[in-house]
Protein backbone atom coordinates (compact mmCIF):
# COMPACT_ATOMS: atom_id res chain seq x y z
CA MET A 1 5.74 5.12 0.38
CA THR A 2 5.97 2.75 -2.73
CA GLY A 3 10.02 2.44 -2.33
CA TYR A 4 13.37 4.13 -2.68
CA ASP A 5 16.48 3.34 -4.50
CA VAL A 6 19.49 1.47 -3.40
CA GLN A 7 22.12 0.16 -5.27
CA ASN A 8 25.20 -2.08 -4.33
CA GLY A 9 28.05 -0.75 -2.82
CA ALA A 10 31.69 -1.02 -3.92
CA ALA A 11 32.06 -3.18 -0.46
CA GLY A 12 29.11 -5.86 -1.28
CA GLY A 13 26.70 -3.81 1.02
CA LEU A 14 23.38 -2.01 0.41
CA ARG A 15 24.26 2.20 -0.31
CA VAL A 16 21.46 4.38 -0.65
CA PHE A 17 21.27 7.60 -2.64
CA SER A 18 19.49 10.15 -3.71
CA THR A 19 17.17 11.36 -0.57
CA ASP A 20 15.31 13.94 0.76
CA HIS A 21 15.81 13.98 4.40
CA GLU A 22 16.11 16.81 6.15
CA GLN A 23 18.56 15.68 8.45
CA VAL A 24 20.96 12.29 9.16
CA VAL A 25 22.78 11.71 12.16
CA PHE A 26 25.36 8.94 13.03
CA CYS A 27 25.43 8.50 16.68
CA HIS A 28 28.68 6.79 18.15
CA ASP A 29 29.75 6.36 21.97
CA ARG A 30 32.69 4.28 22.10
CA PRO A 31 32.74 2.96 25.73
CA THR A 32 29.39 1.73 25.91
CA GLY A 33 28.95 0.75 22.33
CA LEU A 34 26.54 2.31 20.90
CA ARG A 35 26.34 2.75 17.29
CA ALA A 36 23.06 4.44 15.86
CA ILE A 37 21.76 6.29 13.28
CA ILE A 38 18.84 9.04 13.18
CA GLY A 39 17.32 9.76 10.01
CA ILE A 40 14.60 12.94 9.77
CA TYR A 41 12.95 12.90 6.61
CA SER A 42 9.92 15.87 7.22
CA THR A 43 9.42 18.45 9.88
CA ALA A 44 6.99 20.15 7.70
CA LEU A 45 4.02 19.13 9.83
CA GLY A 46 5.76 18.90 13.13
CA PRO A 47 8.80 17.13 14.91
CA ALA A 48 9.49 13.76 13.35
CA LEU A 49 8.69 10.73 15.01
CA GLY A 50 9.16 7.72 14.87
CA GLY A 51 10.15 4.46 17.34
CA THR A 52 13.96 3.18 17.56
CA ARG A 53 14.81 -0.07 16.11
CA PHE A 54 17.43 -1.96 17.98
CA TYR A 55 18.51 -4.79 15.40
CA PRO A 56 22.00 -6.66 14.36
CA TYR A 57 22.06 -5.09 10.60
CA HIS A 58 24.73 -7.09 8.74
CA SER A 59 26.39 -3.62 7.87
CA GLU A 60 26.27 0.18 8.51
CA ASP A 61 25.33 0.66 5.14
CA ALA A 62 22.42 -1.93 5.83
CA ALA A 63 21.37 -0.27 8.58
CA LEU A 64 21.21 3.61 6.80
CA ALA A 65 18.90 2.14 4.06
CA ASP A 66 16.38 0.95 7.08
CA VAL A 67 16.39 4.31 8.77
CA LEU A 68 16.38 6.15 5.17
CA ALA A 69 13.13 4.15 4.49
CA LEU A 70 11.37 3.33 7.98
CA SER A 71 11.75 7.52 8.38
CA GLN A 72 10.01 8.45 5.41
CA GLY A 73 7.54 5.86 5.78
CA MET A 74 7.02 7.72 9.26
CA ALA A 75 6.45 11.15 7.54
CA TYR A 76 3.22 9.35 5.24
CA LYS A 77 2.42 7.88 8.21
CA ASN A 78 1.85 10.68 10.38
CA SER A 79 0.47 12.29 7.76
CA LEU A 80 -2.27 9.99 6.54
CA ALA A 81 -3.50 9.46 10.94
CA GLY A 82 -4.07 13.17 10.92
CA LEU A 83 -0.94 14.36 13.06
CA ASP A 84 0.90 17.12 13.35
CA LEU A 85 3.77 15.08 13.07
CA GLY A 86 6.95 14.65 10.46
CA GLY A 87 8.44 11.76 9.92
CA GLY A 88 11.67 10.18 11.78
CA LYS A 89 13.37 7.13 12.92
CA ALA A 90 16.16 5.58 14.45
CA VAL A 91 18.58 2.14 14.34
CA ILE A 92 20.84 1.20 17.12
CA ILE A 93 22.98 -1.44 15.27
CA GLY A 94 23.70 -4.44 17.45
CA ASP A 95 21.67 -7.61 19.19
CA PRO A 96 19.61 -5.98 21.86
CA GLU A 97 20.16 -9.22 23.72
CA GLN A 98 23.67 -9.17 23.64
CA VAL A 99 24.81 -5.62 24.03
CA LYS A 100 21.67 -3.78 25.32
CA SER A 101 22.66 -1.86 28.52
CA GLU A 102 21.76 0.98 30.77
CA ALA A 103 24.22 2.83 30.01
CA LEU A 104 23.92 2.50 26.25
CA LEU A 105 20.66 3.41 26.17
CA ARG A 106 21.59 6.44 27.86
CA ALA A 107 24.12 7.84 25.45
CA TYR A 108 21.60 6.89 22.85
CA GLY A 109 19.10 9.32 25.10
CA ARG A 110 22.01 11.97 24.96
CA PHE A 111 22.36 12.00 21.33
CA VAL A 112 18.26 12.38 20.91
CA GLU A 113 18.31 15.62 23.41
CA SER A 114 21.03 17.23 21.29
CA LEU A 115 18.18 17.42 18.82
CA GLY A 116 16.64 19.82 21.01
CA GLY A 117 13.02 18.54 19.99
CA ARG A 118 13.39 17.94 16.15
CA TYR A 119 12.95 14.00 16.74
CA TYR A 120 10.78 12.38 18.99
CA THR A 121 11.43 8.44 19.89
CA ALA A 122 9.12 5.62 21.04
CA CYS A 123 9.53 1.63 20.62
CA ASP A 124 10.11 -0.58 17.65
CA VAL A 125 11.89 -4.00 16.85
CA GLY A 126 14.05 -4.66 19.47
CA THR A 127 13.04 -2.05 21.93
CA TYR A 128 10.29 -1.66 24.61
CA VAL A 129 8.50 0.69 27.11
CA GLU A 130 11.19 0.01 29.86
CA ASP A 131 13.91 0.94 27.26
CA MET A 132 11.70 4.22 26.69
CA ASP A 133 12.07 4.91 30.30
CA VAL A 134 15.83 4.63 30.37
CA ILE A 135 16.52 6.90 27.57
CA ALA A 136 13.89 9.59 29.05
CA ARG A 137 16.24 9.91 31.78
CA GLU A 138 18.43 11.54 29.67
CA SER A 139 16.08 13.07 26.68
CA ARG A 140 12.54 15.10 27.22
CA PHE A 141 11.54 13.52 23.62
CA VAL A 142 10.55 10.21 24.16
CA THR A 143 7.02 8.57 24.29
CA GLY A 144 5.66 5.14 24.36
CA ARG A 145 6.82 5.04 28.26
CA SER A 146 5.35 2.49 30.69
CA PRO A 147 2.60 3.63 32.76
CA ALA A 148 4.44 3.85 36.19
CA TYR A 149 5.88 7.28 34.15
CA GLY A 150 2.72 8.25 32.51
CA GLY A 151 3.11 6.71 29.80
CA ALA A 152 0.53 4.42 27.96
CA GLY A 153 2.38 1.30 27.61
CA ASP A 154 2.78 -1.26 24.85
CA SER A 155 1.69 0.68 21.56
CA SER A 156 1.10 -2.85 20.14
CA VAL A 157 -2.40 -3.12 21.13
CA LEU A 158 -3.41 -0.05 19.38
CA THR A 159 -1.31 -0.79 16.22
CA ALA A 160 -3.15 -4.29 15.75
CA PHE A 161 -6.31 -2.64 16.21
CA GLY A 162 -5.89 -0.45 13.16
CA VAL A 163 -4.35 -3.23 11.22
CA PHE A 164 -7.70 -4.72 11.95
CA GLN A 165 -9.46 -1.67 10.45
CA GLY A 166 -8.07 -1.59 7.48
CA MET A 167 -8.49 -5.29 7.06
CA LEU A 168 -12.37 -4.98 7.43
CA ALA A 169 -12.25 -1.62 5.15
CA SER A 170 -10.21 -4.00 2.52
CA ALA A 171 -12.71 -7.23 3.16
CA GLU A 172 -15.68 -4.34 2.37
CA HIS A 173 -14.03 -3.45 -1.05
CA VAL A 174 -13.12 -7.00 -2.38
CA TRP A 175 -16.56 -8.81 -0.82
CA GLY A 176 -18.81 -6.19 0.31
CA SER A 177 -18.69 -6.80 3.87
CA THR A 178 -16.95 -5.51 6.85
CA SER A 179 -16.37 -9.12 8.44
CA LEU A 180 -13.62 -11.71 8.08
CA THR A 181 -16.21 -14.46 9.33
CA GLY A 182 -15.43 -17.66 7.32
CA ARG A 183 -12.09 -16.42 6.06
CA ARG A 184 -8.88 -17.59 5.91
CA VAL A 185 -6.28 -15.10 7.30
CA GLY A 186 -2.39 -15.70 7.49
CA VAL A 187 -0.02 -14.17 9.75
CA ALA A 188 3.55 -14.19 8.80
CA GLY A 189 5.21 -12.84 12.71
CA VAL A 190 3.45 -13.35 15.81
CA GLY A 191 5.42 -10.76 17.87
CA LYS A 192 4.04 -8.32 19.73
CA VAL A 193 1.46 -6.96 17.23
CA GLY A 194 0.95 -10.28 15.67
CA ARG A 195 -0.40 -11.82 18.37
CA HIS A 196 -2.84 -8.67 19.25
CA LEU A 197 -4.00 -9.00 15.26
CA ILE A 198 -4.64 -12.74 15.70
CA GLU A 199 -7.27 -12.15 18.87
CA HIS A 200 -9.11 -9.50 16.73
CA LEU A 201 -9.26 -12.28 13.83
CA LEU A 202 -10.72 -15.03 15.89
CA ALA A 203 -13.18 -12.97 17.70
CA ASP A 204 -14.65 -12.18 14.25
CA GLY A 205 -14.90 -15.40 13.21
CA ALA A 206 -11.85 -15.64 10.43
CA SER A 207 -9.67 -18.98 11.05
CA VAL A 208 -5.93 -18.28 11.19
CA VAL A 209 -2.42 -19.83 10.08
CA ILE A 210 0.65 -18.75 11.56
CA SER A 211 4.56 -18.69 11.26
CA ASP A 212 7.46 -17.33 12.79
CA VAL A 213 11.25 -17.44 12.66
CA LYS A 214 10.80 -17.92 16.38
CA GLU A 215 9.88 -21.28 17.82
CA ARG A 216 8.89 -19.60 21.60
CA ALA A 217 6.55 -17.14 19.55
CA ILE A 218 4.38 -19.84 17.96
CA GLU A 219 4.35 -21.91 21.39
CA ALA A 220 3.03 -18.73 23.08
CA VAL A 221 -0.11 -18.40 20.24
CA THR A 222 -0.77 -22.09 20.23
CA ALA A 223 -0.88 -22.67 24.02
CA GLN A 224 -3.16 -19.34 24.37
CA HIS A 225 -5.14 -20.35 21.00
CA PRO A 226 -5.09 -24.21 20.24
CA GLU A 227 -7.45 -23.58 17.17
CA VAL A 228 -4.86 -21.58 15.15
CA ASP A 229 -2.76 -23.53 12.48
CA VAL A 230 0.90 -23.55 12.19
CA ALA A 231 2.64 -23.31 8.50
CA VAL A 232 6.24 -24.67 8.36
CA ASP A 233 7.34 -21.52 7.17
CA THR A 234 6.47 -18.32 5.81
CA ASP A 235 7.22 -19.72 2.06
CA SER A 236 4.72 -22.35 2.95
CA LEU A 237 2.42 -19.96 4.40
CA VAL A 238 1.79 -18.00 1.29
CA ARG A 239 0.95 -20.87 -0.84
CA GLN A 240 -1.73 -22.43 1.02
CA PRO A 241 -5.30 -21.26 0.17
CA LEU A 242 -5.45 -17.87 2.03
CA ASP A 243 -8.33 -15.05 2.11
CA VAL A 244 -6.09 -12.14 3.63
CA TYR A 245 -2.07 -12.24 4.01
CA ALA A 246 -1.07 -10.16 7.07
CA PRO A 247 2.73 -9.93 6.82
CA CYS A 248 3.72 -8.86 10.40
CA ALA A 249 7.40 -9.41 10.40
CA LEU A 250 10.34 -7.32 9.19
CA GLY A 251 10.30 -5.52 5.98
CA PHE A 252 10.53 -6.36 2.02
CA ALA A 253 7.74 -9.16 2.92
CA LEU A 254 6.48 -8.71 -0.62
CA ASP A 255 8.73 -9.36 -3.47
CA ASP A 256 8.24 -10.90 -7.24
CA GLU A 257 8.67 -14.95 -5.69
CA VAL A 258 5.86 -14.00 -2.82
CA THR A 259 3.72 -11.97 -4.79
CA ALA A 260 3.76 -15.04 -7.73
CA ALA A 261 2.90 -17.54 -5.04
CA LEU A 262 0.07 -15.96 -3.00
CA THR A 263 -3.31 -16.99 -3.15
CA ALA A 264 -4.99 -14.34 -1.06
CA LYS A 265 -7.35 -11.77 -2.54
CA ILE A 266 -6.05 -9.37 -0.02
CA VAL A 267 -2.62 -8.18 1.89
CA CYS A 268 -3.13 -6.51 4.96
CA GLY A 269 -0.13 -6.42 8.13
CA ALA A 270 1.73 -4.74 10.16
CA ALA A 271 5.64 -4.64 8.90
CA ASN A 272 6.94 -1.81 7.93
CA ASN A 273 7.84 -1.16 4.20
CA GLN A 274 6.57 -4.22 2.93
CA LEU A 275 7.00 -3.65 -1.07
CA ALA A 276 10.45 -5.33 -1.89
CA HIS A 277 11.09 -2.58 -4.82
CA VAL A 278 9.13 -0.18 -6.91
CA GLY A 279 6.67 -0.99 -9.04
CA MET A 280 5.57 -4.07 -6.45
CA ASP A 281 2.55 -2.24 -5.72
CA LYS A 282 0.93 -2.45 -9.27
CA ALA A 283 2.46 -6.08 -9.69
CA LEU A 284 0.12 -7.05 -6.88
CA ALA A 285 -2.80 -5.10 -8.75
CA ASP A 286 -2.27 -7.08 -12.02
CA ARG A 287 -2.62 -10.18 -10.28
CA GLY A 288 -5.70 -9.04 -8.87
CA ILE A 289 -4.62 -8.87 -5.08
CA LEU A 290 -5.71 -5.71 -2.85
CA TYR A 291 -2.50 -4.27 -0.76
CA ALA A 292 -3.67 -2.34 2.33
CA PRO A 293 -0.92 0.18 2.13
CA ASP A 294 1.29 -0.49 5.53
CA TYR A 295 2.16 2.72 6.69
CA LEU A 296 -1.75 3.44 6.73
CA VAL A 297 -3.46 0.82 8.41
CA ASN A 298 -0.38 -0.14 10.80
CA ALA A 299 -0.79 3.49 12.16
CA GLY A 300 -2.63 2.62 15.30
CA GLY A 301 1.10 3.04 17.02
CA VAL A 302 2.24 6.09 16.48
CA ILE A 303 -1.19 7.42 17.06
CA GLN A 304 -1.03 6.06 20.81
CA VAL A 305 2.50 7.71 21.37
CA GLU A 306 0.97 10.98 19.76
CA ASP A 307 -1.67 11.13 22.26
CA GLU A 308 0.63 10.07 25.38
CA ILE A 309 2.46 13.58 24.16
CA HIS A 310 -0.65 15.39 25.32
CA GLY A 311 -1.45 13.44 28.16
CA PHE A 312 -2.59 9.84 27.00
CA ASN A 313 -6.12 9.56 27.05
CA PRO A 314 -7.12 5.79 26.16
CA GLU A 315 -10.41 6.02 24.70
CA ARG A 316 -9.65 9.19 22.39
CA ALA A 317 -6.51 7.33 20.92
CA ARG A 318 -8.53 4.63 20.51
CA GLN A 319 -11.13 6.48 18.45
CA LYS A 320 -8.26 7.94 16.38
CA ALA A 321 -7.18 4.27 15.55
CA ALA A 322 -10.68 3.48 14.57
CA ARG A 323 -10.52 6.17 12.00
CA ILE A 324 -7.57 3.91 10.22
CA PHE A 325 -11.05 2.41 8.68
CA ASP A 326 -12.34 5.17 6.90
CA THR A 327 -8.86 6.81 5.82
CA THR A 328 -8.18 2.66 4.22
CA ARG A 329 -11.81 3.27 2.89
CA ARG A 330 -10.92 6.54 1.21
CA VAL A 331 -7.62 5.29 -0.28
CA PHE A 332 -9.55 2.40 -2.31
CA ASP A 333 -11.98 5.06 -4.00
CA ILE A 334 -9.21 7.46 -4.65
CA ALA A 335 -7.14 4.31 -6.32
CA ALA A 336 -10.02 3.20 -8.10
CA ALA A 337 -11.16 6.94 -9.48
CA GLU A 338 -7.39 8.01 -10.47
CA GLY A 339 -6.44 4.51 -12.40
CA VAL A 340 -3.45 3.84 -10.05
CA PRO A 341 -2.63 1.07 -7.18
CA PRO A 342 -3.70 1.86 -3.45
CA ALA A 343 -0.06 2.68 -2.59
CA ALA A 344 -0.08 5.43 -5.06
CA ALA A 345 -3.21 6.72 -4.12
CA ALA A 346 -1.81 6.58 0.00
CA ASP A 347 1.27 8.53 -1.30
CA ARG A 348 -0.67 10.89 -2.92
CA LEU A 349 -2.81 11.65 -0.38
CA ALA A 350 0.03 11.97 2.63
CA GLU A 351 1.67 14.01 0.00
CA ARG A 352 -0.97 16.59 -0.30
CA ARG A 353 -1.60 16.76 3.21
CA ILE A 354 2.19 17.43 3.79
CA ALA A 355 2.30 19.84 1.58
CA GLU A 356 -1.10 21.62 2.36
CA ILE A 357 -0.62 22.00 5.66
CA GLY A 358 3.22 22.35 5.90
CA ARG A 359 2.93 25.51 3.91
CA LEU A 360 0.95 27.04 7.09
CA ARG A 361 4.36 27.35 8.49
CA THR A 362 5.42 29.99 6.23
CA ILE A 363 2.54 32.22 7.15
CA ARG A 364 3.91 34.86 10.11
CA LEU A 365 2.88 34.96 13.54
CA SER A 366 4.08 37.84 14.59
């Protein structure tokens, strides 16, 4: 998804205009303090699936902008991953370390249940498998649960694996080799996904430099992998000599300033909605930087939680996530053939499947 339009609202926050979403639900439960928004972009391919983000947004408008962008991204992600699922996303407004409680999560579960299966939720920033177990006490439409309740557990493992597959396909496109041995990779954000990605990179022979706003996250990585270098911050990280830059924190990591400063030849990371505005994909291409579309390469997690709906099989899920390599290669080939940036090529491929497969639902079965 190459971008969406926002404008400054009269009150100074972001206000979103002109969306094609099927449904947006505002959820408020005063006794528990729950304030949440659920966005359903499309159910053309099946029920909308996307995680629940728990984050202290500075305004409701900012939360709305995020949920609209993320839910559209999920529709494209699920389509490219070959899943029979539409795109949705939810955000809970607040600091999870301060306001998260059993009552709040169960209240949120009631709202998910009220949608009757149009939306399936899962983990995202600020939510964990244990939270999904609590939400599932009030809703049938929850995945990403703990193994104790028949779930697959932490989806960040397969997310990192998928990003690594996309990175190998990118390396093949740029350097003609599906190996990162001897390459320098900068990983911005070493939380759940970033930590697992680092393990793949080191095992493949890459050198790694990291940054994160949380010192404890950096300490956890360096304690396990003392060979990893640490940048002062992400601003200095992107300016270092890099072969690959992997944004693995929050969105909009690729703005004009970062793109102008980048030394890397490849951008491939786990963060959602990395492009700060429309046209950013072209700016990267103009600088000779290959961008692996975020919603393409970070689909391993959603592949895992989708597999869980059918009764989780780890090997089956991993095999499906491994196909991210082939899909990334296909996107690069389409981009080259049609003379467009990879993000536009990925959008076209996702939209084509949504239209072609979604149309089949118009065929009456009885």
